[in-house]
């Protein structure tokens, strides 16, 4: 088996991969075909089976490990596979650890950095809120460490939520040194809490898919609810500060069309939105560039709303 990141146009593909998605569709002329997403720990691969009645097709479903044979091609500047044979793999044919993407950073070290930032919060009510999630709730901590920050767009890997949260919080910490107008305790607390509900919006690997409450409510609303539940348990938590914290969470996507129920009205909410957006876009580009050796234009990216390419080499 070759890892997905190492496959290039013209290569053959042969080995066992995790079948992340499978659905039957048809071309504009009505010809049926299968659209499948294969996954290993290095990434995902868009895959087509042009004969949906090929042997083995009906025996495998999303969530299975499958042995495949086919060719790697490029379509619209994106790597893709065209399969000719498929069979469901047996236990013992694969090691599950090879199939799920994971942060390349040390999870325990990142978590210790996050705990240090929690320790730097001076307001006792904010610190207690953070400790209730990140110190006292062992189940939440275990889930948070392994959770991804997204299904596909950015940080869609084990440890991705922790990595994203730490990056956003460190950006906000810098903002506080550059812009004294910011209230550091509020902004750091909001940064650490802004995506806590990703642990409920997206299911753990191997599924890494939206849950029912994730689809119905989303992590922004769920995150505000999670904070509200903890605030009620903390004696004398100031109502005004609680509302400001929840506003930062509710407004952290910045615009209504991006899913925010509120637009930023506080300077800390503006800063959190910029930090979140910066880290999401930088990681998106990092992941795109890591998946290609092509230095030419890579085509239109929906998330960035522009055509992209790597910077010219010196």
Protein backbone atom coordinates (compact mmCIF):
# COMPACT_ATOMS: atom_id res chain seq x y z
CA UNK A 1 0.00 0.00 0.00
CA UNK A 2 1.16 3.52 -0.85
CA UNK A 3 -0.08 6.44 1.20
CA UNK A 4 -2.41 8.84 -0.57
CA UNK A 5 0.00 11.77 -0.25
CA UNK A 6 2.61 9.79 -2.19
CA UNK A 7 0.34 8.95 -5.13
CA UNK A 8 0.74 10.96 -8.33
CA UNK A 9 -0.84 11.06 -11.78
CA UNK A 10 0.13 8.00 -13.76
CA UNK A 11 0.63 5.79 -10.71
CA UNK A 12 -1.36 2.65 -10.16
CA UNK A 13 -3.21 2.37 -6.87
CA UNK A 14 -3.34 -1.00 -5.16
CA UNK A 15 -3.87 -1.70 -1.49
CA UNK A 16 -6.29 -1.40 1.40
CA UNK A 17 -7.89 1.97 2.18
CA UNK A 18 -10.67 3.19 4.47
CA UNK A 19 -13.92 3.91 2.59
CA UNK A 20 -15.02 7.26 4.02
CA UNK A 21 -17.94 7.93 1.65
CA UNK A 22 -19.80 6.03 -1.04
CA UNK A 23 -22.72 7.20 -3.14
CA UNK A 24 -24.14 6.41 -6.56
CA UNK A 25 -24.78 9.27 -8.95
CA UNK A 26 -24.84 9.81 -12.69
CA UNK A 27 -23.25 11.88 -15.42
CA UNK A 28 -25.05 14.67 -17.30
CA UNK A 29 -25.95 12.08 -19.92
CA UNK A 30 -27.52 9.79 -17.32
CA UNK A 31 -24.73 7.21 -17.08
CA UNK A 32 -24.53 5.84 -13.51
CA UNK A 33 -21.24 5.74 -11.60
CA UNK A 34 -20.00 5.52 -8.03
CA UNK A 35 -18.38 8.43 -6.25
CA UNK A 36 -16.20 7.29 -3.35
CA UNK A 37 -13.81 8.94 -0.91
CA UNK A 38 -10.84 6.84 0.18
CA UNK A 39 -8.87 7.80 3.27
CA UNK A 40 -5.64 7.01 5.03
CA UNK A 41 -3.75 8.95 7.69
CA UNK A 42 -2.14 11.19 5.06
CA UNK A 43 -5.34 12.45 3.48
CA UNK A 44 -8.37 11.63 1.34
CA UNK A 45 -8.72 10.75 -2.34
CA UNK A 46 -11.70 11.38 -4.59
CA UNK A 47 -12.41 8.13 -6.39
CA UNK A 48 -14.67 7.07 -9.24
CA UNK A 49 -15.97 3.67 -10.31
CA UNK A 50 -17.46 4.04 -13.77
CA UNK A 51 -18.99 0.57 -13.75
CA UNK A 52 -21.15 0.54 -10.59
CA UNK A 53 -21.95 -3.13 -11.16
CA UNK A 54 -18.34 -4.30 -10.93
CA UNK A 55 -17.71 -7.33 -8.68
CA UNK A 56 -17.33 -6.39 -5.02
CA UNK A 57 -19.10 -3.03 -5.27
CA UNK A 58 -22.25 -4.17 -3.52
CA UNK A 59 -20.30 -5.90 -0.77
CA UNK A 60 -18.72 -2.74 0.68
CA UNK A 61 -20.21 0.31 2.35
CA UNK A 62 -18.92 3.51 3.90
CA UNK A 63 -16.97 2.62 7.04
CA UNK A 64 -15.42 -0.51 5.53
CA UNK A 65 -11.78 -1.12 4.75
CA UNK A 66 -11.52 -2.04 1.08
CA UNK A 67 -8.81 -3.42 -1.15
CA UNK A 68 -8.70 -1.54 -4.46
CA UNK A 69 -6.97 -1.65 -7.83
CA UNK A 70 -6.95 1.25 -10.25
CA UNK A 71 -5.12 4.26 -11.68
CA UNK A 72 -4.36 7.75 -10.41
CA UNK A 73 -5.36 10.63 -12.68
CA UNK A 74 -5.72 14.40 -12.42
CA UNK A 75 -9.05 16.13 -12.95
CA UNK A 76 -9.53 19.89 -12.53
CA UNK A 77 -6.02 20.05 -11.07
CA UNK A 78 -7.00 17.64 -8.29
CA UNK A 79 -5.68 14.13 -7.74
CA UNK A 80 -8.28 11.43 -8.33
CA UNK A 81 -8.41 7.63 -8.67
CA UNK A 82 -10.27 5.52 -11.22
CA UNK A 83 -10.88 2.05 -9.81
CA UNK A 84 -11.29 -1.20 -11.70
CA UNK A 85 -11.49 -3.69 -8.83
CA UNK A 86 -12.76 -3.56 -5.24
CA UNK A 87 -13.23 -6.05 -2.45
CA UNK A 88 -13.97 -5.66 1.23
CA UNK A 89 -10.84 -6.36 3.26
CA UNK A 90 -10.75 -8.89 6.06
CA UNK A 91 -9.56 -8.17 9.59
CA UNK A 92 -5.83 -8.72 9.65
CA UNK A 93 -5.40 -7.19 6.19
CA UNK A 94 -4.92 -3.72 7.65
CA UNK A 95 -3.83 -1.71 10.70
CA UNK A 96 -6.49 0.91 11.65
CA UNK A 97 -3.74 3.29 12.83
CA UNK A 98 -2.71 3.77 9.18
CA UNK A 99 -6.03 5.24 8.11
CA UNK A 100 -6.88 8.26 10.19
CA UNK A 101 -5.08 11.58 9.83
CA UNK A 102 -3.42 12.94 12.96
CA UNK A 103 -1.70 16.15 13.95
CA UNK A 104 2.07 16.05 13.44
CA UNK A 105 2.48 17.90 16.73
CA UNK A 106 2.68 16.38 20.21
CA UNK A 107 -0.81 16.34 21.72
CA UNK A 108 0.34 16.33 25.35
CA UNK A 109 2.75 19.21 24.77
CA UNK A 110 0.03 21.25 23.07
CA UNK A 111 -2.38 20.54 25.90
CA UNK A 112 0.18 21.65 28.48
CA UNK A 113 0.58 24.91 26.56
CA UNK A 114 -3.18 25.38 26.68
CA UNK A 115 -3.21 24.70 30.44
CA UNK A 116 -0.48 27.32 30.90
CA UNK A 117 -2.63 29.87 29.10
CA UNK A 118 -5.56 28.93 31.34
CA UNK A 119 -3.28 29.45 34.32
CA UNK A 120 -2.47 32.96 33.10
CA UNK A 121 -6.13 34.08 33.33
CA UNK A 122 -6.51 36.31 36.39
CA UNK A 123 -10.29 36.70 36.79
CA UNK A 124 -11.35 33.86 39.14
CA UNK A 125 -14.73 33.28 37.44
CA UNK A 126 -13.16 32.92 33.96
CA UNK A 127 -10.42 30.65 35.31
CA UNK A 128 -12.94 28.47 37.14
CA UNK A 129 -15.02 28.13 33.97
CA UNK A 130 -11.97 27.02 31.99
CA UNK A 131 -10.85 24.59 34.68
CA UNK A 132 -14.31 23.02 34.81
CA UNK A 133 -13.91 22.06 31.15
CA UNK A 134 -10.18 21.50 30.71
CA UNK A 135 -9.05 20.24 34.14
CA UNK A 136 -12.00 18.77 36.03
CA UNK A 137 -13.97 17.06 33.25
CA UNK A 138 -11.88 14.02 32.27
CA UNK A 139 -14.37 12.83 29.64
CA UNK A 140 -14.39 16.23 27.92
CA UNK A 141 -10.58 16.43 28.02
CA UNK A 142 -10.19 13.00 26.42
CA UNK A 143 -12.67 13.90 23.68
CA UNK A 144 -11.18 17.35 23.11
CA UNK A 145 -7.65 15.99 22.66
CA UNK A 146 -8.73 13.58 19.93
CA UNK A 147 -11.34 15.69 18.16
CA UNK A 148 -10.95 17.25 14.74
CA UNK A 149 -11.80 20.90 14.13
CA UNK A 150 -13.68 20.26 10.89
CA UNK A 151 -14.94 17.52 8.62
CA UNK A 152 -12.81 18.51 5.62
CA UNK A 153 -11.93 22.23 5.37
CA UNK A 154 -9.11 22.64 7.92
CA UNK A 155 -7.68 20.74 10.88
CA UNK A 156 -9.77 17.72 9.90
CA UNK A 157 -7.58 15.27 11.79
CA UNK A 158 -7.13 13.73 15.24
CA UNK A 159 -5.82 16.49 17.49
CA UNK A 160 -6.98 19.14 15.04
CA UNK A 161 -9.34 20.84 17.48
CA UNK A 162 -6.61 21.17 20.09
CA UNK A 163 -4.09 22.42 17.52
CA UNK A 164 -6.55 25.00 16.14
CA UNK A 165 -7.67 26.16 19.59
CA UNK A 166 -4.10 26.62 20.76
CA UNK A 167 -3.13 28.54 17.62
CA UNK A 168 -6.13 30.86 17.89
CA UNK A 169 -5.47 31.46 21.59
CA UNK A 170 -1.79 32.26 20.98
CA UNK A 171 -2.75 34.73 18.25
CA UNK A 172 -5.18 36.37 20.67
CA UNK A 173 -2.49 36.47 23.34
CA UNK A 174 -0.27 38.39 20.90
CA UNK A 175 -3.14 40.75 20.04
CA UNK A 176 -3.41 41.61 23.73
CA UNK A 177 0.23 42.76 23.81
CA UNK A 178 -0.19 44.82 20.62
CA UNK A 179 -3.60 46.37 21.38
CA UNK A 180 -4.08 47.40 25.02
CA UNK A 181 -7.77 48.13 24.33
CA UNK A 182 -8.40 44.38 24.55
CA UNK A 183 -9.45 42.77 27.83
CA UNK A 184 -7.07 39.82 27.97
CA UNK A 185 -9.02 37.60 30.38
CA UNK A 186 -12.16 37.84 28.25
CA UNK A 187 -10.37 37.27 24.95
CA UNK A 188 -8.23 34.35 26.15
CA UNK A 189 -11.26 32.66 27.71
CA UNK A 190 -13.32 33.20 24.55
CA UNK A 191 -10.50 31.88 22.35
CA UNK A 192 -10.14 28.70 24.39
CA UNK A 193 -13.91 28.15 24.45
CA UNK A 194 -14.83 29.29 20.95
CA UNK A 195 -14.91 25.79 19.41
CA UNK A 196 -15.52 23.58 22.45
CA UNK A 197 -18.77 22.34 20.93
CA UNK A 198 -16.91 20.81 17.98
CA UNK A 199 -16.69 17.86 20.40
CA UNK A 200 -20.47 17.56 19.98
CA UNK A 201 -20.93 18.88 16.44
CA UNK A 202 -18.59 16.33 14.82
CA UNK A 203 -18.38 12.66 15.75
CA UNK A 204 -15.00 11.09 16.59
CA UNK A 205 -12.98 9.16 14.04
CA UNK A 206 -13.47 6.98 12.12
CA UNK A 207 -16.78 8.66 11.22
CA UNK A 208 -15.65 12.30 11.72
CA UNK A 209 -19.06 13.42 10.47
CA UNK A 210 -21.76 15.80 11.65
CA UNK A 211 -23.94 14.57 14.51
CA UNK A 212 -27.68 15.22 14.65
CA UNK A 213 -27.28 18.12 17.07
CA UNK A 214 -24.37 19.36 15.00
CA UNK A 215 -26.61 19.50 11.94
CA UNK A 216 -29.57 20.98 13.82
CA UNK A 217 -27.80 23.51 16.07
CA UNK A 218 -24.13 23.78 15.09
CA UNK A 219 -21.09 24.32 17.29
CA UNK A 220 -21.63 28.06 17.74
CA UNK A 221 -25.03 27.72 19.43
CA UNK A 222 -23.98 24.55 21.24
CA UNK A 223 -20.84 26.27 22.51
CA UNK A 224 -22.84 29.14 23.97
CA UNK A 225 -25.13 26.62 25.67
CA UNK A 226 -22.18 24.67 27.11
CA UNK A 227 -20.72 27.86 28.58
CA UNK A 228 -24.13 28.88 29.98
CA UNK A 229 -24.45 25.53 31.75
CA UNK A 230 -21.08 25.98 33.49
CA UNK A 231 -21.71 29.65 34.32
CA UNK A 232 -24.83 28.65 36.29
CA UNK A 233 -22.65 26.42 38.47
CA UNK A 234 -20.20 29.18 39.39
CA UNK A 235 -21.24 31.35 42.30
CA UNK A 236 -21.20 35.10 41.63
CA UNK A 237 -20.23 34.84 37.96
CA UNK A 238 -20.93 38.41 36.77
CA UNK A 239 -23.90 38.50 34.40
CA UNK A 240 -22.36 41.20 32.22
CA UNK A 241 -19.11 39.28 31.76
CA UNK A 242 -21.03 36.07 31.02
CA UNK A 243 -22.98 37.84 28.28
CA UNK A 244 -19.77 39.29 26.79
CA UNK A 245 -18.13 35.86 26.73
CA UNK A 246 -21.14 34.24 25.06
CA UNK A 247 -21.29 37.08 22.54
CA UNK A 248 -17.69 36.39 21.51
CA UNK A 249 -18.56 32.74 20.92
CA UNK A 250 -21.76 33.56 19.03
CA UNK A 251 -19.97 36.11 16.81
CA UNK A 252 -16.69 34.33 16.15
CA UNK A 253 -17.50 33.51 12.49
CA UNK A 254 -17.93 37.22 11.89
CA UNK A 255 -20.80 37.29 9.39
CA UNK A 256 -24.35 35.94 9.26
CA UNK A 257 -23.62 34.12 6.00
CA UNK A 258 -20.78 32.25 7.72
CA UNK A 259 -23.07 30.95 10.45
CA UNK A 260 -22.70 33.57 13.19
CA UNK A 261 -26.00 34.35 14.93
CA UNK A 262 -24.48 37.73 15.84
CA UNK A 263 -21.91 40.00 14.21
CA UNK A 264 -19.03 41.12 16.44
CA UNK A 265 -20.03 44.08 18.62
CA UNK A 266 -17.13 43.95 21.10
CA UNK A 267 -13.49 44.56 20.25
CA UNK A 268 -12.65 41.15 21.75
CA UNK A 269 -15.20 39.52 19.43
CA UNK A 270 -13.57 41.24 16.45
CA UNK A 271 -10.13 40.03 17.54
CA UNK A 272 -11.38 36.46 18.03
CA UNK A 273 -12.99 36.45 14.59
CA UNK A 274 -9.74 37.59 12.94
CA UNK A 275 -7.64 35.04 14.86
CA UNK A 276 -10.02 32.20 14.02
CA UNK A 277 -10.16 33.21 10.36
CA UNK A 278 -6.39 33.61 10.11
CA UNK A 279 -5.63 30.17 11.51
CA UNK A 280 -8.35 28.47 9.44
CA UNK A 281 -7.11 29.99 6.17
CA UNK A 282 -3.42 29.42 6.88
CA UNK A 283 -4.06 25.77 7.73
CA UNK A 284 -6.28 25.34 4.66
CA UNK A 285 -3.48 26.56 2.40
CA UNK A 286 -0.91 24.48 4.29
CA UNK A 287 -2.94 21.32 3.75
CA UNK A 288 -3.58 22.10 0.07
CA UNK A 289 0.10 22.76 -0.65
CA UNK A 290 1.18 19.65 1.26
CA UNK A 291 -1.02 17.56 -1.03
CA UNK A 292 0.54 18.68 -4.31
CA UNK A 293 3.94 19.17 -5.94
CA UNK A 294 2.32 21.37 -8.57
CA UNK A 295 3.72 24.92 -8.50
CA UNK A 296 1.24 26.13 -11.13
CA UNK A 297 -2.22 27.50 -10.44
CA UNK A 298 -4.22 24.96 -8.46
CA UNK A 299 -7.67 26.19 -9.44
CA UNK A 300 -10.56 27.77 -7.58
CA UNK A 301 -10.91 27.12 -3.86
CA UNK A 302 -14.43 27.59 -2.52
CA UNK A 303 -13.38 28.28 1.06
CA UNK A 304 -10.89 30.97 0.02
CA UNK A 305 -13.08 32.19 -2.87
CA UNK A 306 -10.14 32.56 -5.25
CA UNK A 307 -7.74 30.71 -7.54
CA UNK A 308 -4.58 29.75 -5.66
CA UNK A 309 -1.00 28.70 -6.31
CA UNK A 310 2.23 28.27 -4.38
CA UNK A 311 4.66 31.16 -4.12
CA UNK A 312 7.40 31.05 -6.75
CA UNK A 313 10.60 29.29 -5.76
CA UNK A 314 13.76 31.40 -5.64
